[in-house]
Amino acid sequence: MSNFIKRLITAALSIILITGSLLLGKYTYGLVVFAVNLIALFEFFNIISVRNLNPGKYTGIFLGSVLFISSFLISSNVISNKFYLALIPLAVLVFIFEIFRNKPDPLINIAVTFLGIIYISFPLSVINYLVFYPGNISGYTYSVLLGYLVLIWTNDTSAYIFGVTVGKHKLFKRISPKKTWEGFIGGTIITIAVAYLIPGLFSSLNRVDMLVFGGIISIFGVAGDLSESMFKRSMNLKDTGKMLPGHGGILDRIDSVLLTSPLVFLYLVLYK
């Protein structure tokens, strides 16, 4: 089976799973994204071990999980936002545990532990505010997140197709030899076109919202992709894992989300 067919099947199944969880309700959505967060954290800390670094793997996974669960419960008004304060003493545990671990390079270990949380769990936790976004008085709504994800999928797919079919000029050869300007430009044009045409499908979003989402995703999505490629290259790895045939690991699939979701959330806070 060709790599393209594998990518297509994996992408289709992923879209069905995520869309289905969103349509079924907030708890199925929360469970699926929590699982993505958990797997991505495991991938991140396993990759780090390739370079013989010693971050607090299970401390980082625990704190990242607590951050996501807290964000879900707070954004859905189940608990007060004061519960975010509980994360402060938990964060201190990273330093305390490092004292007892007696591993080389403790400062690097602490820094990398926090990096995993900031890079993965923070943006995935922010996604909770796209289904319970500020100003939405009706509680859970899947339309904002689904509209955002449609544009993510559109950009990833169209950039890949343009890059494979007509790509000649390298976008950033030092980091990602396969990324091309043709792929970037083609992906941007298709994403903006879709953003212009489909806002009526998402009751919580108008055309301006979708175009802003499309612009953020087109520009900063490729930055997320390149950042993850830079990270993998520094580890001498091709993929972050093997869970998704044709794509690699979970981190390979969500790299655009990790940099764009905080910016989309910022737009909603400031302008909605």
C-alpha atoms as a PDB file:
ATOM      1  CA  MET A   1       0.000   0.000   0.000  1.00  0.00           C
ATOM      2  CA  SER A   2       1.413   3.389  -0.984  1.00  0.00           C
ATOM      3  CA  ASN A   3       2.240   5.976   1.653  1.00  0.00           C
ATOM      4  CA  PHE A   4      -0.367   8.331   0.165  1.00  0.00           C
ATOM      5  CA  ILE A   5      -3.143   5.742   0.599  1.00  0.00           C
ATOM      6  CA  LYS A   6      -2.008   5.084   4.171  1.00  0.00           C
ATOM      7  CA  ARG A   7      -2.070   8.816   4.893  1.00  0.00           C
ATOM      8  CA  LEU A   8      -5.517   9.135   3.346  1.00  0.00           C
ATOM      9  CA  ILE A   9      -7.034   6.255   5.325  1.00  0.00           C
ATOM     10  CA  THR A  10      -5.449   7.381   8.596  1.00  0.00           C
ATOM     11  CA  ALA A  11      -6.587  10.973   8.065  1.00  0.00           C
ATOM     12  CA  ALA A  12     -10.146   9.870   7.221  1.00  0.00           C
ATOM     13  CA  LEU A  13     -10.409   7.670  10.327  1.00  0.00           C
ATOM     14  CA  SER A  14      -8.970  10.444  12.515  1.00  0.00           C
ATOM     15  CA  ILE A  15     -11.468  12.966  11.145  1.00  0.00           C
ATOM     16  CA  ILE A  16     -14.370  10.563  11.712  1.00  0.00           C
ATOM     17  CA  LEU A  17     -13.250   9.887  15.296  1.00  0.00           C
ATOM     18  CA  ILE A  18     -12.745  13.544  16.212  1.00  0.00           C
ATOM     19  CA  THR A  19     -15.867  14.815  14.453  1.00  0.00           C
ATOM     20  CA  GLY A  20     -17.955  12.033  15.962  1.00  0.00           C
ATOM     21  CA  SER A  21     -16.686  12.816  19.468  1.00  0.00           C
ATOM     22  CA  LEU A  22     -17.537  16.497  19.000  1.00  0.00           C
ATOM     23  CA  LEU A  23     -21.055  15.761  17.776  1.00  0.00           C
ATOM     24  CA  LEU A  24     -21.765  13.291  20.576  1.00  0.00           C
ATOM     25  CA  GLY A  25     -21.106  15.853  23.304  1.00  0.00           C
ATOM     26  CA  LYS A  26     -18.648  17.486  25.641  1.00  0.00           C
ATOM     27  CA  TYR A  27     -17.592  14.374  27.514  1.00  0.00           C
ATOM     28  CA  THR A  28     -16.770  12.291  24.451  1.00  0.00           C
ATOM     29  CA  TYR A  29     -14.920  15.306  23.040  1.00  0.00           C
ATOM     30  CA  GLY A  30     -13.028  15.755  26.321  1.00  0.00           C
ATOM     31  CA  LEU A  31     -12.113  12.080  26.497  1.00  0.00           C
ATOM     32  CA  VAL A  32     -10.714  11.993  22.948  1.00  0.00           C
ATOM     33  CA  VAL A  33      -8.657  15.181  23.304  1.00  0.00           C
ATOM     34  CA  PHE A  34      -7.423  14.064  26.731  1.00  0.00           C
ATOM     35  CA  ALA A  35      -6.227  10.829  25.110  1.00  0.00           C
ATOM     36  CA  VAL A  36      -4.443  12.844  22.404  1.00  0.00           C
ATOM     37  CA  ASN A  37      -2.797  14.956  25.108  1.00  0.00           C
ATOM     38  CA  LEU A  38      -1.689  11.879  27.040  1.00  0.00           C
ATOM     39  CA  ILE A  39      -0.268  10.045  24.017  1.00  0.00           C
ATOM     40  CA  ALA A  40       1.492  13.187  22.761  1.00  0.00           C
ATOM     41  CA  LEU A  41       3.150  13.669  26.156  1.00  0.00           C
ATOM     42  CA  PHE A  42       4.361  10.063  26.156  1.00  0.00           C
ATOM     43  CA  GLU A  43       5.746  10.534  22.637  1.00  0.00           C
ATOM     44  CA  PHE A  44       7.506  13.758  23.598  1.00  0.00           C
ATOM     45  CA  PHE A  45       9.238  12.367  26.676  1.00  0.00           C
ATOM     46  CA  ASN A  46      10.140   9.090  24.922  1.00  0.00           C
ATOM     47  CA  ILE A  47      11.766  11.056  22.103  1.00  0.00           C
ATOM     48  CA  ILE A  48      13.750  13.134  24.571  1.00  0.00           C
ATOM     49  CA  SER A  49      15.361   9.947  25.904  1.00  0.00           C
ATOM     50  CA  VAL A  50      16.979   9.444  22.472  1.00  0.00           C
ATOM     51  CA  ARG A  51      19.438  12.215  23.383  1.00  0.00           C
ATOM     52  CA  ASN A  52      20.099  10.701  26.803  1.00  0.00           C
ATOM     53  CA  LEU A  53      18.271  13.504  28.580  1.00  0.00           C
ATOM     54  CA  ASN A  54      16.438  12.757  31.810  1.00  0.00           C
ATOM     55  CA  PRO A  55      13.327  14.911  32.198  1.00  0.00           C
ATOM     56  CA  GLY A  56      10.756  14.027  34.832  1.00  0.00           C
ATOM     57  CA  LYS A  57       8.687  11.968  32.405  1.00  0.00           C
ATOM     58  CA  TYR A  58       5.893  10.865  34.693  1.00  0.00           C
ATOM     59  CA  THR A  59       5.857  14.164  36.578  1.00  0.00           C
ATOM     60  CA  GLY A  60       5.453  15.991  33.259  1.00  0.00           C
ATOM     61  CA  ILE A  61       2.723  13.621  32.080  1.00  0.00           C
ATOM     62  CA  PHE A  62       0.886  13.976  35.391  1.00  0.00           C
ATOM     63  CA  LEU A  63       1.066  17.782  35.386  1.00  0.00           C
ATOM     64  CA  GLY A  64       0.077  17.980  31.709  1.00  0.00           C
ATOM     65  CA  SER A  65      -2.924  15.762  32.407  1.00  0.00           C
ATOM     66  CA  VAL A  66      -3.949  17.831  35.439  1.00  0.00           C
ATOM     67  CA  LEU A  67      -3.662  21.021  33.355  1.00  0.00           C
ATOM     68  CA  PHE A  68      -5.959  19.622  30.664  1.00  0.00           C
ATOM     69  CA  ILE A  69      -8.553  18.286  33.113  1.00  0.00           C
ATOM     70  CA  SER A  70      -8.512  21.558  35.066  1.00  0.00           C
ATOM     71  CA  SER A  71      -8.963  23.550  31.868  1.00  0.00           C
ATOM     72  CA  PHE A  72     -11.895  21.376  30.806  1.00  0.00           C
ATOM     73  CA  LEU A  73     -13.668  21.662  34.158  1.00  0.00           C
ATOM     74  CA  ILE A  74     -13.015  25.395  34.533  1.00  0.00           C
ATOM     75  CA  SER A  75     -13.960  26.337  30.967  1.00  0.00           C
ATOM     76  CA  SER A  76     -17.207  24.357  31.302  1.00  0.00           C
ATOM     77  CA  ASN A  77     -17.994  26.148  34.605  1.00  0.00           C
ATOM     78  CA  VAL A  78     -17.926  22.953  36.647  1.00  0.00           C
ATOM     79  CA  ILE A  79     -15.306  24.404  39.005  1.00  0.00           C
ATOM     80  CA  SER A  80     -14.008  27.905  39.710  1.00  0.00           C
ATOM     81  CA  ASN A  81     -11.061  29.306  37.783  1.00  0.00           C
ATOM     82  CA  LYS A  82      -9.365  29.667  41.172  1.00  0.00           C
ATOM     83  CA  PHE A  83      -8.497  25.986  40.825  1.00  0.00           C
ATOM     84  CA  TYR A  84      -5.767  27.067  38.402  1.00  0.00           C
ATOM     85  CA  LEU A  85      -3.926  28.223  41.528  1.00  0.00           C
ATOM     86  CA  ALA A  86      -3.587  24.580  42.537  1.00  0.00           C
ATOM     87  CA  LEU A  87      -1.207  24.127  39.605  1.00  0.00           C
ATOM     88  CA  ILE A  88       1.366  26.370  41.310  1.00  0.00           C
ATOM     89  CA  PRO A  89       2.300  23.952  44.137  1.00  0.00           C
ATOM     90  CA  LEU A  90       2.101  21.061  41.672  1.00  0.00           C
ATOM     91  CA  ALA A  91       4.631  22.816  39.417  1.00  0.00           C
ATOM     92  CA  VAL A  92       6.952  23.159  42.406  1.00  0.00           C
ATOM     93  CA  LEU A  93       6.999  19.350  42.616  1.00  0.00           C
ATOM     94  CA  VAL A  94       9.096  19.261  39.418  1.00  0.00           C
ATOM     95  CA  PHE A  95      11.927  20.943  41.297  1.00  0.00           C
ATOM     96  CA  ILE A  96      11.459  18.845  44.453  1.00  0.00           C
ATOM     97  CA  PHE A  97      11.394  15.540  42.581  1.00  0.00           C
ATOM     98  CA  GLU A  98      14.525  16.529  40.682  1.00  0.00           C
ATOM     99  CA  ILE A  99      16.380  16.913  43.989  1.00  0.00           C
ATOM    100  CA  PHE A 100      15.652  13.285  44.861  1.00  0.00           C
ATOM    101  CA  ARG A 101      16.151  11.833  41.351  1.00  0.00           C
ATOM    102  CA  ASN A 102      19.908  12.468  41.371  1.00  0.00           C
ATOM    103  CA  LYS A 103      20.190  12.615  37.581  1.00  0.00           C
ATOM    104  CA  PRO A 104      22.842  14.511  35.578  1.00  0.00           C
ATOM    105  CA  ASP A 105      22.010  17.976  34.192  1.00  0.00           C
ATOM    106  CA  PRO A 106      19.155  18.799  36.607  1.00  0.00           C
ATOM    107  CA  LEU A 107      18.525  22.255  35.131  1.00  0.00           C
ATOM    108  CA  ILE A 108      18.056  20.765  31.654  1.00  0.00           C
ATOM    109  CA  ASN A 109      15.820  18.043  33.097  1.00  0.00           C
ATOM    110  CA  ILE A 110      13.572  20.611  34.769  1.00  0.00           C
ATOM    111  CA  ALA A 111      13.476  22.812  31.658  1.00  0.00           C
ATOM    112  CA  VAL A 112      12.564  19.924  29.335  1.00  0.00           C
ATOM    113  CA  THR A 113       9.880  18.690  31.734  1.00  0.00           C
ATOM    114  CA  PHE A 114       8.187  22.089  31.628  1.00  0.00           C
ATOM    115  CA  LEU A 115       8.726  22.310  27.861  1.00  0.00           C
ATOM    116  CA  GLY A 116       6.618  19.201  27.319  1.00  0.00           C
ATOM    117  CA  ILE A 117       3.770  20.732  29.324  1.00  0.00           C
ATOM    118  CA  ILE A 118       3.987  24.134  27.616  1.00  0.00           C
ATOM    119  CA  TYR A 119       4.444  22.747  24.102  1.00  0.00           C
ATOM    120  CA  ILE A 120       1.719  20.092  24.256  1.00  0.00           C
ATOM    121  CA  SER A 121      -0.680  20.360  27.186  1.00  0.00           C
ATOM    122  CA  PHE A 122      -1.066  24.146  27.190  1.00  0.00           C
ATOM    123  CA  PRO A 123      -2.322  24.467  23.560  1.00  0.00           C
ATOM    124  CA  LEU A 124      -4.496  21.356  23.888  1.00  0.00           C
ATOM    125  CA  SER A 125      -5.968  22.767  27.104  1.00  0.00           C
ATOM    126  CA  VAL A 126      -6.694  26.030  25.309  1.00  0.00           C
ATOM    127  CA  ILE A 127      -8.841  24.047  22.865  1.00  0.00           C
ATOM    128  CA  ASN A 128     -11.347  23.575  25.687  1.00  0.00           C
ATOM    129  CA  TYR A 129     -12.067  27.285  25.403  1.00  0.00           C
ATOM    130  CA  LEU A 130     -13.036  26.799  21.770  1.00  0.00           C
ATOM    131  CA  VAL A 131     -15.943  24.576  22.791  1.00  0.00           C
ATOM    132  CA  PHE A 132     -16.736  26.716  25.854  1.00  0.00           C
ATOM    133  CA  TYR A 133     -15.451  29.971  24.415  1.00  0.00           C
ATOM    134  CA  PRO A 134     -15.787  33.329  26.203  1.00  0.00           C
ATOM    135  CA  GLY A 135     -19.026  35.080  25.326  1.00  0.00           C
ATOM    136  CA  ASN A 136     -20.856  31.852  24.509  1.00  0.00           C
ATOM    137  CA  ILE A 137     -23.854  31.732  26.855  1.00  0.00           C
ATOM    138  CA  SER A 138     -25.240  28.416  25.635  1.00  0.00           C
ATOM    139  CA  GLY A 139     -22.530  26.230  27.118  1.00  0.00           C
ATOM    140  CA  TYR A 140     -20.917  23.555  24.975  1.00  0.00           C
ATOM    141  CA  THR A 141     -20.808  24.186  21.236  1.00  0.00           C
ATOM    142  CA  TYR A 142     -18.845  22.099  18.766  1.00  0.00           C
ATOM    143  CA  SER A 143     -19.120  24.502  15.830  1.00  0.00           C
ATOM    144  CA  VAL A 144     -16.159  26.777  16.695  1.00  0.00           C
ATOM    145  CA  LEU A 145     -13.724  23.918  17.191  1.00  0.00           C
ATOM    146  CA  LEU A 146     -15.069  21.982  14.209  1.00  0.00           C
ATOM    147  CA  GLY A 147     -14.731  25.045  11.959  1.00  0.00           C
ATOM    148  CA  TYR A 148     -11.161  25.510  13.176  1.00  0.00           C
ATOM    149  CA  LEU A 149     -10.332  21.833  12.587  1.00  0.00           C
ATOM    150  CA  VAL A 150     -11.867  21.836   9.098  1.00  0.00           C
ATOM    151  CA  LEU A 151      -9.427  24.597   8.163  1.00  0.00           C
ATOM    152  CA  ILE A 152      -6.527  22.742   9.808  1.00  0.00           C
ATOM    153  CA  TRP A 153      -7.353  19.614   7.796  1.00  0.00           C
ATOM    154  CA  THR A 154      -7.866  21.647   4.628  1.00  0.00           C
ATOM    155  CA  ASN A 155      -4.508  23.377   5.006  1.00  0.00           C
ATOM    156  CA  ASP A 156      -2.579  20.183   5.816  1.00  0.00           C
ATOM    157  CA  THR A 157      -4.131  18.218   2.954  1.00  0.00           C
ATOM    158  CA  SER A 158      -3.940  20.888   0.255  1.00  0.00           C
ATOM    159  CA  ALA A 159      -0.369  21.876   1.179  1.00  0.00           C
ATOM    160  CA  TYR A 160       0.663  18.217   0.971  1.00  0.00           C
ATOM    161  CA  ILE A 161      -1.024  17.708  -2.416  1.00  0.00           C
ATOM    162  CA  PHE A 162       0.432  20.880  -3.923  1.00  0.00           C
ATOM    163  CA  GLY A 163       3.842  20.073  -2.498  1.00  0.00           C
ATOM    164  CA  VAL A 164       3.857  16.542  -3.914  1.00  0.00           C
ATOM    165  CA  THR A 165       2.462  17.441  -7.329  1.00  0.00           C
ATOM    166  CA  VAL A 166       4.026  20.797  -8.234  1.00  0.00           C
ATOM    167  CA  GLY A 167       6.454  21.571  -5.428  1.00  0.00           C
ATOM    168  CA  LYS A 168       9.938  22.586  -6.619  1.00  0.00           C
ATOM    169  CA  HIS A 169      11.176  25.478  -4.494  1.00  0.00           C
ATOM    170  CA  LYS A 170      12.175  24.495  -0.955  1.00  0.00           C
ATOM    171  CA  LEU A 171      10.524  26.456   1.826  1.00  0.00           C
ATOM    172  CA  PHE A 172      13.095  25.732   4.533  1.00  0.00           C
ATOM    173  CA  LYS A 173      15.528  23.103   3.288  1.00  0.00           C
ATOM    174  CA  ARG A 174      17.706  23.139   6.409  1.00  0.00           C
ATOM    175  CA  ILE A 175      14.806  21.983   8.563  1.00  0.00           C
ATOM    176  CA  SER A 176      12.321  20.249   6.256  1.00  0.00           C
ATOM    177  CA  PRO A 177      13.582  19.325   2.772  1.00  0.00           C
ATOM    178  CA  LYS A 178      10.118  18.229   1.590  1.00  0.00           C
ATOM    179  CA  LYS A 179       8.298  21.474   2.403  1.00  0.00           C
ATOM    180  CA  THR A 180       7.958  23.754  -0.622  1.00  0.00           C
ATOM    181  CA  TRP A 181       6.762  27.260  -1.364  1.00  0.00           C
ATOM    182  CA  GLU A 182       4.271  25.799  -3.817  1.00  0.00           C
ATOM    183  CA  GLY A 183       2.798  23.663  -1.044  1.00  0.00           C
ATOM    184  CA  PHE A 184       2.630  26.625   1.332  1.00  0.00           C
ATOM    185  CA  ILE A 185       1.046  28.979  -1.223  1.00  0.00           C
ATOM    186  CA  GLY A 186      -1.363  26.345  -2.560  1.00  0.00           C
ATOM    187  CA  GLY A 187      -2.405  25.370   0.967  1.00  0.00           C
ATOM    188  CA  THR A 188      -2.961  29.005   1.897  1.00  0.00           C
ATOM    189  CA  ILE A 189      -5.107  29.744  -1.174  1.00  0.00           C
ATOM    190  CA  ILE A 190      -7.310  26.675  -0.676  1.00  0.00           C
ATOM    191  CA  THR A 191      -7.648  27.312   3.068  1.00  0.00           C
ATOM    192  CA  ILE A 192      -8.683  30.946   2.577  1.00  0.00           C
ATOM    193  CA  ALA A 193     -11.128  29.891  -0.154  1.00  0.00           C
ATOM    194  CA  VAL A 194     -12.724  27.295   2.118  1.00  0.00           C
ATOM    195  CA  ALA A 195     -12.820  29.834   4.970  1.00  0.00           C
ATOM    196  CA  TYR A 196     -14.706  32.233   2.707  1.00  0.00           C
ATOM    197  CA  LEU A 197     -17.183  29.668   1.389  1.00  0.00           C
ATOM    198  CA  ILE A 198     -18.299  27.635   4.416  1.00  0.00           C
ATOM    199  CA  PRO A 199     -19.049  29.905   7.407  1.00  0.00           C
ATOM    200  CA  GLY A 200     -22.759  29.157   7.066  1.00  0.00           C
ATOM    201  CA  LEU A 201     -22.105  25.587   8.191  1.00  0.00           C
ATOM    202  CA  PHE A 202     -20.935  26.801  11.599  1.00  0.00           C
ATOM    203  CA  SER A 203     -23.573  28.798  13.460  1.00  0.00           C
ATOM    204  CA  SER A 204     -21.123  30.356  15.910  1.00  0.00           C
ATOM    205  CA  LEU A 205     -18.766  31.673  13.224  1.00  0.00           C
ATOM    206  CA  ASN A 206     -19.206  34.318  10.556  1.00  0.00           C
ATOM    207  CA  ARG A 207     -17.121  34.884   7.419  1.00  0.00           C
ATOM    208  CA  VAL A 208     -14.709  37.248   9.150  1.00  0.00           C
ATOM    209  CA  ASP A 209     -14.088  34.705  11.918  1.00  0.00           C
ATOM    210  CA  MET A 210     -13.376  31.959   9.416  1.00  0.00           C
ATOM    211  CA  LEU A 211     -11.037  34.158   7.374  1.00  0.00           C
ATOM    212  CA  VAL A 212      -9.108  35.109  10.514  1.00  0.00           C
ATOM    213  CA  PHE A 213      -8.890  31.428  11.467  1.00  0.00           C
ATOM    214  CA  GLY A 214      -7.718  30.621   7.932  1.00  0.00           C
ATOM    215  CA  GLY A 215      -5.017  33.293   8.035  1.00  0.00           C
ATOM    216  CA  ILE A 216      -3.730  32.157  11.426  1.00  0.00           C
ATOM    217  CA  ILE A 217      -3.680  28.508  10.352  1.00  0.00           C
ATOM    218  CA  SER A 218      -2.018  29.174   6.997  1.00  0.00           C
ATOM    219  CA  ILE A 219       0.822  31.240   8.472  1.00  0.00           C
ATOM    220  CA  PHE A 220       1.377  29.793  11.918  1.00  0.00           C
ATOM    221  CA  GLY A 221       0.367  26.227  11.039  1.00  0.00           C
ATOM    222  CA  VAL A 222       3.411  25.895   8.807  1.00  0.00           C
ATOM    223  CA  ALA A 223       5.495  27.404  11.627  1.00  0.00           C
ATOM    224  CA  GLY A 224       4.185  24.637  13.889  1.00  0.00           C
ATOM    225  CA  ASP A 225       5.058  22.046  11.265  1.00  0.00           C
ATOM    226  CA  LEU A 226       8.569  23.450  10.827  1.00  0.00           C
ATOM    227  CA  SER A 227       9.091  23.704  14.580  1.00  0.00           C
ATOM    228  CA  GLU A 228       8.257  20.048  15.024  1.00  0.00           C
ATOM    229  CA  SER A 229      10.510  19.144  12.075  1.00  0.00           C
ATOM    230  CA  MET A 230      13.314  21.134  13.714  1.00  0.00           C
ATOM    231  CA  PHE A 231      12.695  19.262  16.943  1.00  0.00           C
ATOM    232  CA  LYS A 232      12.793  15.859  15.203  1.00  0.00           C
ATOM    233  CA  ARG A 233      15.890  16.771  13.205  1.00  0.00           C
ATOM    234  CA  SER A 234      17.718  17.699  16.405  1.00  0.00           C
ATOM    235  CA  MET A 235      16.879  14.195  17.657  1.00  0.00           C
ATOM    236  CA  ASN A 236      17.841  12.535  14.335  1.00  0.00           C
ATOM    237  CA  LEU A 237      14.303  11.160  13.980  1.00  0.00           C
ATOM    238  CA  LYS A 238      11.982  10.937  10.990  1.00  0.00           C
ATOM    239  CA  ASP A 239       8.727  10.598  12.968  1.00  0.00           C
ATOM    240  CA  THR A 240       7.671  11.075  16.575  1.00  0.00           C
ATOM    241  CA  GLY A 241       6.094   7.625  16.640  1.00  0.00           C
ATOM    242  CA  LYS A 242       4.433   4.880  14.607  1.00  0.00           C
ATOM    243  CA  MET A 243       0.873   5.044  15.873  1.00  0.00           C
ATOM    244  CA  LEU A 244      -0.601   6.642  12.737  1.00  0.00           C
ATOM    245  CA  PRO A 245       0.321   4.842   9.483  1.00  0.00           C
ATOM    246  CA  GLY A 246       1.516   7.296   6.839  1.00  0.00           C
ATOM    247  CA  HIS A 247       1.784  10.119   9.370  1.00  0.00           C
ATOM    248  CA  GLY A 248       4.015   8.834  12.168  1.00  0.00           C
ATOM    249  CA  GLY A 249       3.035   9.734  15.705  1.00  0.00           C
ATOM    250  CA  ILE A 250       0.324  11.846  17.284  1.00  0.00           C
ATOM    251  CA  LEU A 251       2.732  14.788  17.475  1.00  0.00           C
ATOM    252  CA  ASP A 252       3.270  14.560  13.724  1.00  0.00           C
ATOM    253  CA  ARG A 253      -0.469  14.975  13.238  1.00  0.00           C
ATOM    254  CA  ILE A 254      -1.147  17.831  15.676  1.00  0.00           C
ATOM    255  CA  ASP A 255       1.918  20.025  15.101  1.00  0.00           C
ATOM    256  CA  SER A 256      -0.171  22.748  13.400  1.00  0.00           C
ATOM    257  CA  VAL A 257      -2.657  22.771  16.277  1.00  0.00           C
ATOM    258  CA  LEU A 258       0.028  23.318  18.921  1.00  0.00           C
ATOM    259  CA  LEU A 259       0.990  26.762  17.617  1.00  0.00           C
ATOM    260  CA  THR A 260      -2.344  27.958  16.215  1.00  0.00           C
ATOM    261  CA  SER A 261      -4.887  27.104  18.925  1.00  0.00           C
ATOM    262  CA  PRO A 262      -3.585  29.720  21.422  1.00  0.00           C
ATOM    263  CA  LEU A 263      -3.750  32.394  18.699  1.00  0.00           C
ATOM    264  CA  VAL A 264      -7.299  31.431  17.695  1.00  0.00           C
ATOM    265  CA  PHE A 265      -8.295  31.543  21.371  1.00  0.00           C
ATOM    266  CA  LEU A 266      -6.691  34.987  21.699  1.00  0.00           C
ATOM    267  CA  TYR A 267      -8.756  36.227  18.757  1.00  0.00           C
ATOM    268  CA  LEU A 268     -11.968  34.916  20.349  1.00  0.00           C
ATOM    269  CA  VAL A 269     -11.154  36.596  23.665  1.00  0.00           C
ATOM    270  CA  LEU A 270     -10.345  39.954  22.088  1.00  0.00           C
ATOM    271  CA  TYR A 271     -12.967  40.172  19.352  1.00  0.00           C
ATOM    272  CA  LYS A 272     -15.911  37.906  20.156  1.00  0.00           C
END
